[in-house]
Amino acid sequence: MRPEDLRQLLQRQPCPLLCLHLTNGVVFEIRDPDEAVVTRSTVEFLVPQHESREREAVINLLHIIWVEVLMPPA
């Protein structure tokens, strides 16, 4: 995935829920575009808390095979 394509999806108004489908079958959700940082080769964002621990995901853009775009209800 190209960084500019992901940035364009994150800038949509209203911002949809983005489900990133990775090459290993794992799916990550980006719910808040303000918490995602897209660099030249990665996307970084907070993952929902698990057992009161804050977690951050750093994903290489090469591992994103497709993005599911779920628009918020009207």
N, C-alpha and C. Protein backbone atom coordinates (compact mmCIF):
# COMPACT_ATOMS: atom_id res chain seq x y z
N MET A 1 0.85 -1.18 0.00
CA MET A 1 0.00 0.00 0.00
C MET A 1 0.88 1.23 0.00
N ARG A 2 0.47 2.23 -0.75
CA ARG A 2 1.23 3.48 -0.79
C ARG A 2 0.78 4.38 0.36
N PRO A 3 1.72 5.12 0.97
CA PRO A 3 1.36 5.98 2.11
C PRO A 3 0.32 7.03 1.74
N GLU A 4 0.39 7.59 0.55
CA GLU A 4 -0.56 8.62 0.17
C GLU A 4 -1.98 8.05 0.04
N ASP A 5 -2.11 6.77 -0.34
CA ASP A 5 -3.44 6.15 -0.42
C ASP A 5 -4.05 6.02 0.98
N LEU A 6 -3.24 5.58 1.94
CA LEU A 6 -3.74 5.44 3.31
C LEU A 6 -4.06 6.80 3.91
N ARG A 7 -3.22 7.79 3.66
CA ARG A 7 -3.50 9.15 4.17
C ARG A 7 -4.82 9.68 3.61
N GLN A 8 -5.07 9.41 2.34
CA GLN A 8 -6.31 9.88 1.71
C GLN A 8 -7.52 9.23 2.38
N LEU A 9 -7.45 7.96 2.70
CA LEU A 9 -8.55 7.30 3.40
C LEU A 9 -8.76 7.88 4.79
N LEU A 10 -7.66 8.17 5.49
CA LEU A 10 -7.75 8.71 6.85
C LEU A 10 -8.29 10.14 6.88
N GLN A 11 -8.19 10.86 5.77
CA GLN A 11 -8.64 12.25 5.72
C GLN A 11 -10.09 12.40 5.29
N ARG A 12 -10.76 11.31 4.96
CA ARG A 12 -12.16 11.40 4.55
C ARG A 12 -13.01 11.95 5.69
N GLN A 13 -14.04 12.69 5.32
CA GLN A 13 -14.97 13.25 6.32
C GLN A 13 -16.38 12.79 6.01
N PRO A 14 -17.07 12.17 6.93
CA PRO A 14 -16.54 11.69 8.22
C PRO A 14 -15.59 10.52 7.97
N CYS A 15 -14.63 10.40 8.86
CA CYS A 15 -13.62 9.35 8.68
C CYS A 15 -14.25 7.98 8.94
N PRO A 16 -14.07 7.07 8.00
CA PRO A 16 -14.63 5.73 8.20
C PRO A 16 -13.75 4.90 9.12
N LEU A 17 -14.30 3.80 9.58
CA LEU A 17 -13.52 2.80 10.29
C LEU A 17 -12.71 2.07 9.23
N LEU A 18 -11.41 1.98 9.42
CA LEU A 18 -10.55 1.29 8.46
C LEU A 18 -10.06 -0.02 9.06
N CYS A 19 -10.28 -1.10 8.36
CA CYS A 19 -9.79 -2.41 8.78
C CYS A 19 -8.64 -2.78 7.85
N LEU A 20 -7.44 -2.87 8.41
CA LEU A 20 -6.25 -3.20 7.64
C LEU A 20 -6.06 -4.71 7.65
N HIS A 21 -6.10 -5.33 6.49
CA HIS A 21 -5.92 -6.78 6.36
C HIS A 21 -4.47 -7.03 5.96
N LEU A 22 -3.75 -7.77 6.81
CA LEU A 22 -2.32 -7.99 6.60
C LEU A 22 -2.04 -9.33 5.93
N THR A 23 -0.84 -9.47 5.41
CA THR A 23 -0.43 -10.68 4.70
C THR A 23 -0.51 -11.93 5.57
N ASN A 24 -0.38 -11.79 6.89
CA ASN A 24 -0.42 -12.96 7.78
C ASN A 24 -1.83 -13.28 8.26
N GLY A 25 -2.85 -12.57 7.75
CA GLY A 25 -4.24 -12.83 8.11
C GLY A 25 -4.75 -12.00 9.27
N VAL A 26 -3.90 -11.26 9.94
CA VAL A 26 -4.31 -10.42 11.06
C VAL A 26 -5.01 -9.17 10.52
N VAL A 27 -6.03 -8.72 11.26
CA VAL A 27 -6.77 -7.51 10.88
C VAL A 27 -6.66 -6.50 12.02
N PHE A 28 -6.27 -5.29 11.70
CA PHE A 28 -6.21 -4.19 12.67
C PHE A 28 -7.24 -3.15 12.28
N GLU A 29 -7.87 -2.53 13.28
CA GLU A 29 -8.83 -1.46 13.03
C GLU A 29 -8.24 -0.12 13.42
N ILE A 30 -8.43 0.86 12.57
CA ILE A 30 -8.10 2.25 12.91
C ILE A 30 -9.42 2.97 13.06
N ARG A 31 -9.75 3.32 14.29
CA ARG A 31 -11.03 3.97 14.59
C ARG A 31 -10.92 5.49 14.61
N ASP A 32 -9.74 6.00 14.98
CA ASP A 32 -9.55 7.45 15.11
C ASP A 32 -8.37 7.88 14.24
N PRO A 33 -8.62 8.65 13.19
CA PRO A 33 -7.54 9.05 12.30
C PRO A 33 -6.49 9.93 12.98
N ASP A 34 -6.88 10.61 14.06
CA ASP A 34 -5.94 11.47 14.77
C ASP A 34 -4.89 10.66 15.54
N GLU A 35 -5.14 9.40 15.74
CA GLU A 35 -4.21 8.55 16.48
C GLU A 35 -3.34 7.70 15.55
N ALA A 36 -3.44 7.93 14.24
CA ALA A 36 -2.64 7.18 13.27
C ALA A 36 -1.61 8.09 12.64
N VAL A 37 -0.40 7.58 12.52
CA VAL A 37 0.69 8.31 11.88
C VAL A 37 1.19 7.47 10.71
N VAL A 38 1.13 8.05 9.52
CA VAL A 38 1.59 7.35 8.33
C VAL A 38 2.94 7.93 7.93
N THR A 39 3.93 7.07 7.83
CA THR A 39 5.26 7.49 7.37
C THR A 39 5.47 6.94 5.96
N ARG A 40 6.66 7.09 5.45
CA ARG A 40 6.97 6.61 4.10
C ARG A 40 6.78 5.11 3.97
N SER A 41 7.03 4.36 5.07
CA SER A 41 6.98 2.90 4.98
C SER A 41 6.13 2.21 6.04
N THR A 42 5.59 2.98 7.02
CA THR A 42 4.82 2.35 8.09
C THR A 42 3.56 3.15 8.41
N VAL A 43 2.66 2.51 9.14
CA VAL A 43 1.55 3.20 9.79
C VAL A 43 1.63 2.80 11.26
N GLU A 44 1.49 3.79 12.14
CA GLU A 44 1.57 3.57 13.59
C GLU A 44 0.28 4.07 14.21
N PHE A 45 -0.28 3.28 15.14
CA PHE A 45 -1.52 3.69 15.80
C PHE A 45 -1.68 2.92 17.10
N LEU A 46 -2.53 3.45 17.97
CA LEU A 46 -2.81 2.79 19.25
C LEU A 46 -3.81 1.67 19.02
N VAL A 47 -3.58 0.57 19.71
CA VAL A 47 -4.47 -0.58 19.67
C VAL A 47 -5.32 -0.52 20.94
N PRO A 48 -6.62 -0.88 20.87
CA PRO A 48 -7.44 -0.85 22.10
C PRO A 48 -6.77 -1.59 23.24
N GLN A 49 -6.97 -1.06 24.44
CA GLN A 49 -6.31 -1.61 25.63
C GLN A 49 -6.66 -3.06 25.84
N HIS A 50 -5.66 -3.80 26.29
CA HIS A 50 -5.82 -5.21 26.63
C HIS A 50 -5.26 -5.40 28.02
N GLU A 51 -6.12 -5.76 28.96
CA GLU A 51 -5.69 -5.96 30.35
C GLU A 51 -4.99 -4.72 30.89
N SER A 52 -5.58 -3.57 30.66
CA SER A 52 -5.13 -2.27 31.16
C SER A 52 -3.72 -1.88 30.70
N ARG A 53 -3.26 -2.45 29.59
CA ARG A 53 -1.96 -2.08 29.04
C ARG A 53 -2.19 -1.37 27.71
N GLU A 54 -1.56 -0.23 27.55
CA GLU A 54 -1.64 0.48 26.28
C GLU A 54 -0.68 -0.16 25.29
N ARG A 55 -1.17 -0.37 24.06
CA ARG A 55 -0.34 -1.01 23.05
C ARG A 55 -0.35 -0.15 21.79
N GLU A 56 0.75 -0.20 21.07
CA GLU A 56 0.86 0.53 19.82
C GLU A 56 1.26 -0.46 18.73
N ALA A 57 0.67 -0.31 17.56
CA ALA A 57 1.02 -1.15 16.42
C ALA A 57 1.84 -0.32 15.44
N VAL A 58 2.90 -0.91 14.94
CA VAL A 58 3.70 -0.31 13.88
C VAL A 58 3.72 -1.33 12.75
N ILE A 59 3.06 -1.00 11.65
CA ILE A 59 2.87 -1.96 10.56
C ILE A 59 3.58 -1.46 9.31
N ASN A 60 4.37 -2.32 8.71
CA ASN A 60 5.01 -2.00 7.45
C ASN A 60 3.93 -1.99 6.37
N LEU A 61 3.88 -0.93 5.57
CA LEU A 61 2.85 -0.79 4.55
C LEU A 61 2.88 -1.92 3.52
N LEU A 62 4.03 -2.56 3.35
CA LEU A 62 4.13 -3.67 2.41
C LEU A 62 3.28 -4.87 2.83
N HIS A 63 2.92 -4.95 4.12
CA HIS A 63 2.16 -6.09 4.63
C HIS A 63 0.64 -5.86 4.59
N ILE A 64 0.21 -4.70 4.16
CA ILE A 64 -1.24 -4.44 4.04
C ILE A 64 -1.67 -4.88 2.65
N ILE A 65 -2.53 -5.93 2.60
CA ILE A 65 -2.95 -6.41 1.29
C ILE A 65 -4.26 -5.75 0.84
N TRP A 66 -5.10 -5.38 1.78
CA TRP A 66 -6.28 -4.61 1.41
C TRP A 66 -6.85 -3.91 2.63
N VAL A 67 -7.61 -2.84 2.36
CA VAL A 67 -8.21 -2.03 3.42
C VAL A 67 -9.72 -2.08 3.25
N GLU A 68 -10.40 -2.49 4.31
CA GLU A 68 -11.85 -2.49 4.33
C GLU A 68 -12.31 -1.16 4.90
N VAL A 69 -13.18 -0.46 4.18
CA VAL A 69 -13.64 0.88 4.57
C VAL A 69 -15.09 0.76 5.02
N LEU A 70 -15.34 0.99 6.31
CA LEU A 70 -16.69 0.91 6.86
C LEU A 70 -17.15 2.31 7.25
N MET A 71 -18.09 2.84 6.47
CA MET A 71 -18.58 4.19 6.72
C MET A 71 -19.46 4.21 7.96
N PRO A 72 -19.41 5.30 8.74
CA PRO A 72 -20.28 5.40 9.91
C PRO A 72 -21.72 5.51 9.47
N PRO A 73 -22.65 5.05 10.33
CA PRO A 73 -24.08 5.13 9.97
C PRO A 73 -24.50 6.59 9.78
N ALA A 74 -25.38 6.82 8.85
CA ALA A 74 -25.85 8.19 8.55
C ALA A 74 -26.88 8.66 9.56
